[in-house]
Amino acid sequence: MLIVLLSQCATRGSITGGPKDAQPPQLIEVESSPNFQTDFTERSLTLHFDEWIKLNDPFTQILISPPTERRPDVRVRGRAVNFTFHEDEVLREDATYSINFGSAIQDITESNPVQNYSFVFSTGSSIDSLSIGGMVVDAQTGEPKEEVTVMLYEENIDSIVFQSKPFYAARTLKNGSFQINNVKSGAFKMIAIADENLNYLWDPPAEPIAFLDTLITISADSSASVKLIMSAQLAQLQMERIDTSGWNLAIIPYNRSPEEIDVSFSIADSLLYVWREGNQLWVYQNPQVPNYQAYLTDLSTLLTDTLKLRPDRSGSPATLGKKSIWKNSYHPAEPIRICFDRPITSVQQDRIVLLEGKDSIRAQASVFDSIPLCIEFSNPWKADSTYRLTILPGALTDFYGASNDTIAETFPIANPDRFGTIILQFDNLEPQNGYVFELGKDKGKVLSTFLVQGDSTLNRTIERMKPGKYTLRVIEDRNLNGHWDPAEYMLGEQPEKLLEFALEELRANWDLEVKHAWK
């Protein structure tokens, strides 16, 4: 009866377990190996904590400076971390070592990490106490680089980054900052790499690099903060598998944009047409030409690939199809362009019908000189009007001598008051350099590119721009090749300076002024 009575009086609920543990484990120094020892000869050390612990990603988080040749053994035993050097590891004489555990040591319940605990010892009679710090940022975005390994070398040899581990090393934090502590005085070569395989060696081109042009001197009087600009090396341009499945079309893909590839042929160029798209070269072949060779020369290495190509003399081309190459603004003063998947060689005006409302008008149609895959229509378009375009069969003749089926388009012409103007004013440009200005929109899509060389100032007005948010990218083109180049470590060349920022939002019927002094 008593048991029944108590069960009826009980209130259901859940056990809360108390407040959540938010404290990281605390080191118990009296039970741990003494930190900051000199004349260190031990092969292992132990760190005791006040609660049960675990190791999280120790091979990535734990950084030993100077780096060891062999991986140490790091294990958890209850509330303690045991660190043991490899039995064949030979520690440097008279050197100060720092073992930084990063966030590897965590409590077993809530994974609260012990942040950046360092165990420091010296194999000599004193512990070096100097330090050097700074920041690593991305050359293209200016954003901080996290988990980058910054290294100091005693030897001033360019190839050492491929061959030997550094004397000192540290990793950057989330904000891109780094601090190398317990350094001795002297002059050092400083290099930073995104050390993906954690071997303390540079493995290009997969691993980006940053470096100082000169040795950095570290002394008791030095307090400089170093800024390193990191960039990835360009992968060597390589041709990939050629696609010849299209009728008399050879698509030659590369592992990156083939900007520096010069194309020539063993026959007259007029019988072939080359179109560059992304990482590909498209070679349109006239089926009447004989077999020929294409010579693809990399202008950076002067190496030439020779391809033997054979046109297909059977069958016929597919129907001419449209291709999204050009985006019209529909400003009354701008021509209308329509693009196709093959080059257009001729246009018959009398087979093109253009209607403004119910009235038929004549617009001048021609092949667009800059992009022969497009035709353009020039006309004094009326604002706030809609036009209907009909391209009748036989109006267009393509590269293969084929003509089109009926093509119908409708396009609205906007009011010029719905557009804005961007005015760019740049000062302090260096005349000996070239500058590439890229105006972009829609996640970096470049809308307008222009080059400046030999001037210290820029004044450029860009009209008929649709309202919206734009970005401006400016490249200091030191080698005058028209595009941005990363660092060339073996040549001692830093990455080309690049500035990228978002403009104020452009409004309709508005002038947006952008003033900047290049530094």
Protein backbone atom coordinates (compact mmCIF):
# COMPACT_ATOMS: atom_id res chain seq x y z
CA MET A 1 0.00 0.00 0.00
CA LEU A 2 2.87 2.36 0.79
CA ILE A 3 4.48 1.73 -2.61
CA VAL A 4 1.20 2.44 -4.42
CA LEU A 5 0.71 5.65 -2.43
CA LEU A 6 4.21 6.93 -3.23
CA SER A 7 3.88 6.15 -6.94
CA GLN A 8 0.67 8.13 -7.12
CA CYS A 9 2.26 11.16 -5.45
CA ALA A 10 5.38 11.18 -7.70
CA THR A 11 5.84 13.91 -10.34
CA ARG A 12 7.26 12.89 -13.72
CA GLY A 13 10.32 14.79 -15.00
CA SER A 14 13.79 14.46 -16.54
CA ILE A 15 17.22 14.59 -14.96
CA THR A 16 18.95 17.81 -16.07
CA GLY A 17 22.48 16.92 -15.05
CA GLY A 18 23.38 20.46 -14.03
CA PRO A 19 24.87 23.33 -16.06
CA LYS A 20 26.82 22.59 -19.23
CA ASP A 21 30.60 22.33 -18.83
CA ALA A 22 32.18 25.23 -20.72
CA GLN A 23 35.64 25.16 -19.13
CA PRO A 24 38.63 23.54 -20.86
CA PRO A 25 40.78 21.07 -18.96
CA GLN A 26 43.27 22.67 -16.55
CA LEU A 27 46.92 21.60 -16.48
CA ILE A 28 48.16 20.26 -13.14
CA GLU A 29 51.72 21.56 -13.24
CA VAL A 30 53.01 19.74 -10.15
CA GLU A 31 52.14 16.38 -11.74
CA SER A 32 53.37 17.28 -15.26
CA SER A 33 56.82 17.43 -16.82
CA PRO A 34 58.38 20.82 -15.93
CA ASN A 35 58.05 23.38 -18.70
CA PHE A 36 60.97 25.58 -19.88
CA GLN A 37 63.68 23.07 -19.04
CA THR A 38 67.28 23.56 -20.14
CA ASP A 39 69.84 20.87 -20.99
CA PHE A 40 66.87 18.70 -21.90
CA THR A 41 67.82 15.05 -22.56
CA GLU A 42 64.53 13.25 -21.97
CA ARG A 43 62.81 11.28 -24.72
CA SER A 44 59.29 11.86 -23.45
CA LEU A 45 57.11 14.22 -21.43
CA THR A 46 53.76 13.96 -19.66
CA LEU A 47 51.01 16.53 -19.16
CA HIS A 48 48.40 15.87 -16.44
CA PHE A 49 44.99 17.57 -16.43
CA ASP A 50 42.14 17.88 -13.94
CA GLU A 51 39.63 15.86 -15.99
CA TRP A 52 39.41 13.08 -18.54
CA ILE A 53 40.69 14.19 -21.94
CA LYS A 54 40.94 13.13 -25.58
CA LEU A 55 43.05 14.09 -28.60
CA ASN A 56 41.45 15.72 -31.65
CA ASP A 57 43.39 15.60 -34.95
CA PRO A 58 46.80 15.61 -33.23
CA PHE A 59 48.88 15.26 -36.41
CA THR A 60 47.44 18.49 -37.77
CA GLN A 61 47.09 20.45 -34.54
CA ILE A 62 50.42 19.66 -32.84
CA LEU A 63 53.28 21.73 -34.25
CA ILE A 64 56.90 21.10 -33.27
CA SER A 65 59.47 23.83 -33.87
CA PRO A 66 62.12 23.05 -35.05
CA PRO A 67 60.30 20.28 -36.92
CA THR A 68 61.35 16.71 -36.26
CA GLU A 69 62.34 14.28 -38.98
CA ARG A 70 60.09 11.54 -37.61
CA ARG A 71 56.59 11.67 -36.23
CA PRO A 72 56.44 11.46 -32.42
CA ASP A 73 54.10 9.18 -30.50
CA VAL A 74 51.28 11.11 -28.78
CA ARG A 75 48.76 9.24 -26.65
CA VAL A 76 46.13 9.85 -23.99
CA ARG A 77 46.04 7.84 -20.80
CA GLY A 78 43.03 8.86 -18.75
CA ARG A 79 43.72 12.45 -17.68
CA ALA A 80 47.25 12.63 -19.10
CA VAL A 81 48.91 13.20 -22.47
CA ASN A 82 52.12 11.26 -23.10
CA PHE A 83 54.43 12.70 -25.78
CA THR A 84 57.40 10.57 -26.88
CA PHE A 85 60.00 11.39 -29.52
CA HIS A 86 60.72 8.67 -32.06
CA GLU A 87 63.55 6.42 -30.92
CA ASP A 88 65.63 7.40 -33.97
CA GLU A 89 64.97 11.15 -33.64
CA VAL A 90 68.13 13.19 -33.01
CA LEU A 91 67.38 16.56 -31.43
CA ARG A 92 69.47 19.52 -32.50
CA GLU A 93 72.22 20.66 -30.22
CA ASP A 94 71.86 23.93 -28.32
CA ALA A 95 68.38 24.54 -29.78
CA THR A 96 65.16 25.74 -28.18
CA TYR A 97 62.18 23.50 -29.01
CA SER A 98 58.54 24.45 -28.79
CA ILE A 99 55.72 21.89 -28.93
CA ASN A 100 52.43 23.69 -29.53
CA PHE A 101 49.37 21.48 -29.06
CA GLY A 102 46.95 23.85 -30.83
CA SER A 103 43.43 22.68 -29.97
CA ALA A 104 44.31 18.96 -29.94
CA ILE A 105 43.74 18.47 -26.18
CA GLN A 106 40.02 18.49 -25.31
CA ASP A 107 37.82 17.32 -22.46
CA ILE A 108 36.01 14.09 -23.15
CA THR A 109 32.49 15.36 -22.37
CA GLU A 110 32.00 18.69 -24.18
CA SER A 111 35.16 18.80 -26.37
CA ASN A 112 36.33 22.07 -24.77
CA PRO A 113 39.89 22.57 -26.12
CA VAL A 114 43.03 23.65 -24.31
CA GLN A 115 44.01 26.44 -26.69
CA ASN A 116 47.63 26.69 -27.91
CA TYR A 117 49.42 25.24 -24.91
CA SER A 118 53.17 25.13 -25.63
CA PHE A 119 55.78 22.97 -23.98
CA VAL A 120 59.20 24.62 -24.35
CA PHE A 121 62.64 23.20 -23.63
CA SER A 122 66.23 23.71 -24.70
CA THR A 123 68.88 21.15 -25.49
CA GLY A 124 71.41 23.84 -24.48
CA SER A 125 72.02 25.87 -21.38
CA SER A 126 69.50 28.65 -22.14
CA ILE A 127 66.11 29.16 -23.73
CA ASP A 128 65.84 31.56 -26.65
CA SER A 129 63.26 34.23 -25.93
CA LEU A 130 62.93 36.34 -29.10
CA SER A 131 59.86 36.26 -31.34
CA ILE A 132 58.56 37.43 -34.69
CA GLY A 133 54.94 37.82 -35.78
CA GLY A 134 52.81 39.03 -38.63
CA MET A 135 50.00 38.08 -40.97
CA VAL A 136 49.45 36.05 -44.15
CA VAL A 137 46.80 37.21 -46.64
CA ASP A 138 45.59 35.95 -50.00
CA ALA A 139 47.02 37.88 -52.95
CA GLN A 140 43.77 37.95 -54.92
CA THR A 141 41.17 38.51 -52.21
CA GLY A 142 43.16 40.14 -49.40
CA GLU A 143 41.47 37.73 -46.98
CA PRO A 144 43.49 36.20 -44.11
CA LYS A 145 44.93 32.73 -44.65
CA GLU A 146 44.27 30.21 -41.89
CA GLU A 147 46.32 27.09 -41.10
CA VAL A 148 49.30 28.29 -43.14
CA THR A 149 52.76 27.19 -42.01
CA VAL A 150 55.23 30.07 -41.62
CA MET A 151 58.86 28.92 -41.58
CA LEU A 152 62.29 30.39 -40.81
CA TYR A 153 65.54 29.04 -42.31
CA GLU A 154 69.12 29.81 -41.32
CA GLU A 155 70.40 29.08 -44.83
CA ASN A 156 69.72 31.64 -47.57
CA ILE A 157 69.27 29.10 -50.36
CA ASP A 158 66.26 29.27 -52.68
CA SER A 159 66.01 25.50 -53.10
CA ILE A 160 65.99 24.82 -49.35
CA VAL A 161 62.19 25.00 -49.27
CA PHE A 162 62.14 21.87 -51.45
CA GLN A 163 64.86 19.97 -49.59
CA SER A 164 65.05 20.73 -45.86
CA LYS A 165 62.74 21.36 -42.95
CA PRO A 166 62.93 24.83 -41.37
CA PHE A 167 64.64 25.81 -38.15
CA TYR A 168 61.46 27.41 -36.75
CA ALA A 169 57.82 27.13 -37.72
CA ALA A 170 54.36 28.31 -36.66
CA ARG A 171 50.83 28.17 -38.07
CA THR A 172 48.48 31.04 -38.72
CA LEU A 173 45.27 31.49 -36.77
CA LYS A 174 41.80 32.09 -38.19
CA ASN A 175 42.55 35.81 -38.60
CA GLY A 176 45.73 35.05 -40.58
CA SER A 177 48.10 36.10 -37.78
CA PHE A 178 51.11 34.11 -36.65
CA GLN A 179 53.69 34.29 -33.88
CA ILE A 180 56.98 32.38 -33.83
CA ASN A 181 58.29 32.34 -30.28
CA ASN A 182 61.52 31.23 -28.62
CA VAL A 183 63.68 32.28 -31.55
CA LYS A 184 67.39 33.02 -31.31
CA SER A 185 68.88 36.21 -32.73
CA GLY A 186 70.04 36.19 -36.34
CA ALA A 187 69.04 36.67 -39.97
CA PHE A 188 66.53 34.23 -41.42
CA LYS A 189 64.83 33.38 -44.69
CA MET A 190 61.04 33.53 -44.18
CA ILE A 191 58.60 31.49 -46.26
CA ALA A 192 54.95 30.54 -45.75
CA ILE A 193 53.24 27.61 -47.45
CA ALA A 194 49.81 26.00 -47.33
CA ASP A 195 51.40 22.73 -46.24
CA GLU A 196 48.61 20.34 -47.19
CA ASN A 197 50.61 17.15 -46.57
CA LEU A 198 52.32 18.49 -43.39
CA ASN A 199 55.82 17.60 -44.57
CA TYR A 200 57.31 21.10 -44.04
CA LEU A 201 58.40 21.12 -47.69
CA TRP A 202 56.96 23.10 -50.60
CA ASP A 203 55.14 20.96 -53.16
CA PRO A 204 54.13 23.20 -56.09
CA PRO A 205 51.84 23.91 -57.78
CA ALA A 206 49.27 22.46 -55.39
CA GLU A 207 50.54 24.41 -52.37
CA PRO A 208 50.36 28.24 -52.41
CA ILE A 209 53.43 30.14 -51.20
CA ALA A 210 54.42 33.52 -49.77
CA PHE A 211 57.94 34.80 -49.07
CA LEU A 212 60.01 37.83 -48.14
CA ASP A 213 62.35 39.26 -50.76
CA THR A 214 65.21 39.69 -48.25
CA LEU A 215 66.39 38.07 -45.04
CA ILE A 216 64.68 39.20 -41.87
CA THR A 217 66.86 40.06 -38.89
CA ILE A 218 65.53 39.09 -35.47
CA SER A 219 67.10 40.73 -32.42
CA ALA A 220 66.16 42.11 -29.03
CA ASP A 221 65.59 45.49 -30.68
CA SER A 222 63.43 44.30 -33.58
CA SER A 223 59.67 44.65 -33.33
CA ALA A 224 58.53 44.55 -36.95
CA SER A 225 55.26 42.88 -37.93
CA VAL A 226 55.61 40.98 -41.20
CA LYS A 227 52.95 40.84 -43.92
CA LEU A 228 53.18 37.94 -46.37
CA ILE A 229 51.17 37.87 -49.62
CA MET A 230 50.25 34.31 -50.60
CA SER A 231 49.41 33.00 -54.07
CA ALA A 232 49.27 29.65 -55.79
CA GLN A 233 51.68 28.91 -58.60
CA LEU A 234 50.10 28.47 -62.02
CA ALA A 235 49.94 24.82 -62.98
CA GLN A 236 51.98 24.03 -66.07
CA LEU A 237 49.66 24.35 -69.03
CA GLN A 238 48.74 20.87 -70.24
CA MET A 239 46.54 19.71 -73.08
CA GLU A 240 43.84 17.22 -72.18
CA ARG A 241 41.94 14.70 -74.31
CA ILE A 242 40.78 16.24 -77.61
CA ASP A 243 37.10 16.01 -78.50
CA THR A 244 36.41 15.54 -82.24
CA SER A 245 32.87 14.19 -81.88
CA GLY A 246 31.36 17.35 -83.38
CA TRP A 247 31.04 17.57 -87.14
CA ASN A 248 34.29 19.22 -88.33
CA LEU A 249 34.82 20.73 -84.90
CA ALA A 250 37.89 19.92 -82.79
CA ILE A 251 37.60 20.99 -79.14
CA ILE A 252 41.05 21.13 -77.49
CA PRO A 253 40.76 21.37 -73.68
CA TYR A 254 43.51 22.46 -71.27
CA ASN A 255 43.88 22.24 -67.51
CA ARG A 256 43.49 26.05 -67.31
CA SER A 257 42.81 28.99 -69.60
CA PRO A 258 45.12 28.70 -72.66
CA GLU A 259 45.75 32.45 -72.87
CA GLU A 260 49.41 31.99 -73.78
CA ILE A 261 48.80 29.41 -76.51
CA ASP A 262 49.55 30.64 -80.03
CA VAL A 263 47.72 28.68 -82.74
CA SER A 264 48.95 28.23 -86.31
CA PHE A 265 48.30 25.71 -89.08
CA SER A 266 50.02 24.00 -91.96
CA ILE A 267 47.31 25.31 -94.32
CA ALA A 268 45.77 28.74 -94.92
CA ASP A 269 44.22 30.13 -91.74
CA SER A 270 41.19 31.37 -93.69
CA LEU A 271 40.03 27.77 -94.07
CA LEU A 272 39.84 27.36 -90.28
CA TYR A 273 38.41 29.37 -87.43
CA VAL A 274 39.58 29.30 -83.78
CA TRP A 275 37.31 30.29 -80.91
CA ARG A 276 38.54 30.45 -77.30
CA GLU A 277 36.03 29.54 -74.63
CA GLY A 278 37.01 29.07 -70.97
CA ASN A 279 39.75 26.42 -70.86
CA GLN A 280 39.15 25.28 -74.44
CA LEU A 281 40.17 26.03 -77.99
CA TRP A 282 37.49 25.35 -80.61
CA VAL A 283 38.82 24.75 -84.12
CA TYR A 284 36.15 24.85 -86.85
CA GLN A 285 37.35 22.92 -89.91
CA ASN A 286 36.22 23.40 -93.48
CA PRO A 287 35.29 19.90 -94.74
CA GLN A 288 36.82 20.70 -98.15
CA VAL A 289 40.35 21.24 -96.84
CA PRO A 290 42.96 18.46 -96.89
CA ASN A 291 44.36 16.83 -93.78
CA TYR A 292 46.50 19.32 -91.91
CA GLN A 293 48.56 19.95 -88.78
CA ALA A 294 47.80 22.38 -85.96
CA TYR A 295 50.76 23.91 -84.09
CA LEU A 296 49.95 24.96 -80.52
CA THR A 297 52.86 26.92 -79.02
CA ASP A 298 53.03 27.82 -75.33
CA LEU A 299 54.54 31.31 -75.44
CA SER A 300 55.74 31.04 -71.82
CA THR A 301 57.84 27.91 -72.45
CA LEU A 302 58.13 28.05 -76.29
CA LEU A 303 57.12 24.37 -76.39
CA THR A 304 54.91 23.33 -79.32
CA ASP A 305 52.35 20.54 -79.54
CA THR A 306 51.67 19.32 -83.06
CA LEU A 307 48.26 17.82 -83.81
CA LYS A 308 47.33 15.94 -86.95
CA LEU A 309 43.70 16.74 -87.78
CA ARG A 310 41.50 15.31 -90.49
CA PRO A 311 38.27 17.03 -91.55
CA ASP A 312 35.13 14.92 -91.92
CA ARG A 313 34.06 14.98 -95.57
CA SER A 314 30.90 12.92 -95.01
CA GLY A 315 27.56 14.10 -93.67
CA SER A 316 26.44 17.68 -93.17
CA PRO A 317 26.28 20.18 -90.33
CA ALA A 318 23.38 20.27 -87.90
CA THR A 319 20.91 23.16 -87.89
CA LEU A 320 22.47 26.45 -86.86
CA GLY A 321 21.79 26.94 -83.14
CA LYS A 322 21.91 29.98 -80.88
CA LYS A 323 24.67 30.38 -78.28
CA SER A 324 24.70 32.51 -75.10
CA ILE A 325 27.80 34.64 -75.63
CA TRP A 326 26.53 38.19 -75.47
CA LYS A 327 24.00 39.81 -73.11
CA ASN A 328 22.21 42.80 -74.63
CA SER A 329 21.57 45.91 -72.55
CA TYR A 330 18.56 47.02 -74.69
CA HIS A 331 19.66 50.65 -74.43
CA PRO A 332 18.26 52.69 -77.38
CA ALA A 333 21.77 53.63 -78.51
CA GLU A 334 23.19 50.08 -78.36
CA PRO A 335 23.05 47.50 -81.18
CA ILE A 336 21.24 44.21 -80.64
CA ARG A 337 23.41 41.10 -80.98
CA ILE A 338 22.37 37.48 -81.55
CA CYS A 339 25.03 34.73 -81.34
CA PHE A 340 25.28 31.22 -82.77
CA ASP A 341 27.26 28.03 -82.31
CA ARG A 342 29.17 28.46 -85.59
CA PRO A 343 30.87 31.46 -87.23
CA ILE A 344 28.66 33.48 -89.61
CA THR A 345 30.25 34.46 -92.91
CA SER A 346 27.47 36.40 -94.68
CA VAL A 347 24.08 38.03 -94.08
CA GLN A 348 21.30 38.64 -96.67
CA GLN A 349 19.47 41.78 -95.60
CA ASP A 350 16.33 41.12 -97.67
CA ARG A 351 15.58 37.93 -95.74
CA ILE A 352 15.42 39.69 -92.36
CA VAL A 353 12.13 41.17 -91.19
CA LEU A 354 12.02 43.62 -88.30
CA LEU A 355 8.70 44.91 -86.96
CA GLU A 356 8.15 47.92 -84.71
CA GLY A 357 4.58 47.36 -83.61
CA LYS A 358 2.85 46.61 -86.92
CA ASP A 359 5.28 48.59 -89.05
CA SER A 360 8.13 46.91 -90.90
CA ILE A 361 11.45 48.73 -90.63
CA ARG A 362 14.89 48.09 -92.02
CA ALA A 363 17.79 47.62 -89.61
CA GLN A 364 21.36 47.22 -90.78
CA ALA A 365 22.46 43.63 -90.01
CA SER A 366 26.11 42.55 -90.15
CA VAL A 367 28.56 40.07 -88.70
CA PHE A 368 29.99 41.34 -85.41
CA ASP A 369 33.69 41.96 -86.14
CA SER A 370 34.95 41.14 -82.61
CA ILE A 371 32.98 37.88 -82.37
CA PRO A 372 32.11 36.38 -85.79
CA LEU A 373 29.78 33.93 -84.04
CA CYS A 374 27.40 36.89 -83.59
CA ILE A 375 25.44 39.19 -85.85
CA GLU A 376 24.38 42.68 -84.81
CA PHE A 377 21.50 44.95 -85.74
CA SER A 378 22.05 48.71 -85.69
CA ASN A 379 19.06 51.02 -85.63
CA PRO A 380 17.94 54.24 -83.87
CA TRP A 381 15.76 52.21 -81.50
CA LYS A 382 12.79 53.94 -79.88
CA ALA A 383 12.67 53.95 -76.10
CA ASP A 384 9.94 51.93 -74.38
CA SER A 385 9.24 49.99 -77.57
CA THR A 386 9.08 46.29 -78.42
CA TYR A 387 10.56 44.89 -81.65
CA ARG A 388 9.91 41.57 -83.33
CA LEU A 389 12.68 40.08 -85.43
CA THR A 390 12.30 37.26 -87.95
CA ILE A 391 15.35 35.82 -89.69
CA LEU A 392 14.01 33.85 -92.65
CA PRO A 393 15.65 30.66 -93.98
CA GLY A 394 18.75 31.38 -96.03
CA ALA A 395 19.40 34.78 -94.43
CA LEU A 396 22.59 33.59 -92.73
CA THR A 397 25.42 31.55 -94.18
CA ASP A 398 27.73 29.90 -91.67
CA PHE A 399 31.37 28.82 -91.83
CA TYR A 400 30.40 25.50 -93.42
CA GLY A 401 28.29 27.10 -96.16
CA ALA A 402 25.05 26.03 -94.47
CA SER A 403 22.10 28.36 -93.89
CA ASN A 404 19.62 28.83 -91.09
CA ASP A 405 16.06 27.78 -90.37
CA THR A 406 13.54 30.44 -89.33
CA ILE A 407 14.66 32.32 -86.23
CA ALA A 408 12.20 34.55 -84.33
CA GLU A 409 13.17 36.98 -81.55
CA THR A 410 11.32 39.61 -79.53
CA PHE A 411 13.26 42.26 -77.64
CA PRO A 412 12.18 45.29 -75.58
CA ILE A 413 14.03 48.59 -75.82
CA ALA A 414 14.28 50.37 -72.46
CA ASN A 415 14.12 54.06 -71.58
CA PRO A 416 17.61 55.66 -71.35
CA ASP A 417 16.59 57.20 -68.02
CA ARG A 418 16.68 53.68 -66.56
CA PHE A 419 20.46 53.49 -67.02
CA GLY A 420 23.32 55.04 -65.05
CA THR A 421 26.93 56.13 -65.56
CA ILE A 422 30.08 55.03 -63.73
CA ILE A 423 32.97 57.53 -63.64
CA LEU A 424 36.38 56.12 -62.65
CA GLN A 425 39.19 58.40 -61.44
CA PHE A 426 42.48 56.81 -60.37
CA ASP A 427 45.66 58.65 -59.33
CA ASN A 428 49.24 57.65 -58.43
CA LEU A 429 49.52 55.04 -61.18
CA GLU A 430 53.08 54.15 -62.14
CA PRO A 431 53.58 54.87 -65.87
CA GLN A 432 56.11 52.04 -66.33
CA ASN A 433 53.45 49.50 -65.34
CA GLY A 434 50.32 48.49 -67.12
CA TYR A 435 46.98 48.36 -65.33
CA VAL A 436 44.03 46.12 -66.10
CA PHE A 437 40.62 47.41 -65.02
CA GLU A 438 37.78 44.88 -64.89
CA LEU A 439 34.24 46.01 -64.15
CA GLY A 440 32.11 43.10 -63.02
CA LYS A 441 28.64 42.12 -61.89
CA ASP A 442 26.75 38.99 -60.91
CA LYS A 443 29.30 37.06 -58.82
CA GLY A 444 32.39 38.37 -60.54
CA LYS A 445 31.27 38.12 -64.18
CA VAL A 446 33.40 40.63 -66.09
CA LEU A 447 31.34 43.06 -68.17
CA SER A 448 34.02 45.51 -69.28
CA THR A 449 37.81 45.33 -69.45
CA PHE A 450 40.23 48.08 -70.44
CA LEU A 451 44.00 48.57 -70.20
CA VAL A 452 45.99 51.62 -69.10
CA GLN A 453 49.72 52.04 -69.74
CA GLY A 454 52.08 55.00 -69.66
CA ASP A 455 49.84 57.27 -67.60
CA SER A 456 49.85 58.24 -63.92
CA THR A 457 46.11 58.94 -63.86
CA LEU A 458 42.94 57.38 -65.22
CA ASN A 459 39.70 59.14 -66.10
CA ARG A 460 37.16 56.82 -67.67
CA THR A 461 33.40 57.26 -68.09
CA ILE A 462 31.32 54.12 -68.66
CA GLU A 463 27.80 54.95 -69.80
CA ARG A 464 24.59 53.00 -70.39
CA MET A 465 25.00 50.76 -67.34
CA LYS A 466 22.02 49.00 -65.85
CA PRO A 467 21.26 49.82 -62.20
CA GLY A 468 22.69 47.38 -59.70
CA LYS A 469 25.75 46.46 -57.68
CA TYR A 470 29.11 46.35 -59.47
CA THR A 471 32.64 45.36 -58.51
CA LEU A 472 35.92 46.81 -59.75
CA ARG A 473 39.10 44.78 -60.03
CA VAL A 474 42.41 46.52 -60.79
CA ILE A 475 45.60 44.62 -61.60
CA GLU A 476 49.06 46.18 -61.55
CA ASP A 477 50.29 44.44 -64.69
CA ARG A 478 54.06 44.62 -64.23
CA ASN A 479 54.92 42.28 -67.12
CA LEU A 480 52.32 43.84 -69.47
CA ASN A 481 50.72 40.53 -70.42
CA GLY A 482 47.17 41.74 -69.79
CA HIS A 483 46.28 39.51 -66.83
CA TRP A 484 47.14 38.87 -63.18
CA ASP A 485 50.18 36.73 -62.38
CA PRO A 486 50.94 34.94 -59.09
CA ALA A 487 54.33 34.89 -57.37
CA GLU A 488 57.30 33.24 -59.08
CA TYR A 489 59.32 32.04 -56.11
CA MET A 490 62.42 30.85 -57.98
CA LEU A 491 62.57 34.17 -59.86
CA GLY A 492 62.05 36.17 -56.67
CA GLU A 493 58.96 37.86 -58.09
CA GLN A 494 56.08 38.75 -55.79
CA PRO A 495 52.47 38.36 -57.03
CA GLU A 496 51.19 41.30 -59.01
CA LYS A 497 49.32 43.75 -56.84
CA LEU A 498 45.58 43.49 -57.11
CA LEU A 499 42.78 45.67 -55.78
CA GLU A 500 39.18 44.51 -55.71
CA PHE A 501 36.25 46.24 -54.08
CA ALA A 502 32.49 46.63 -54.35
CA LEU A 503 31.13 49.91 -55.68
CA GLU A 504 28.17 51.74 -54.29
CA GLU A 505 24.93 50.61 -55.86
CA LEU A 506 24.32 52.30 -59.20
CA ARG A 507 20.87 53.87 -59.49
CA ALA A 508 18.88 54.74 -62.61
CA ASN A 509 19.68 58.09 -64.24
CA TRP A 510 22.59 58.54 -61.83
CA ASP A 511 26.35 59.25 -62.09
CA LEU A 512 28.45 57.11 -59.74
CA GLU A 513 31.93 58.57 -59.15
CA VAL A 514 34.71 56.25 -58.04
CA LYS A 515 37.88 58.03 -56.88
CA HIS A 516 40.95 56.17 -55.68
CA ALA A 517 44.66 56.79 -55.19
CA TRP A 518 46.74 53.71 -56.03
CA LYS A 519 49.20 52.84 -53.28
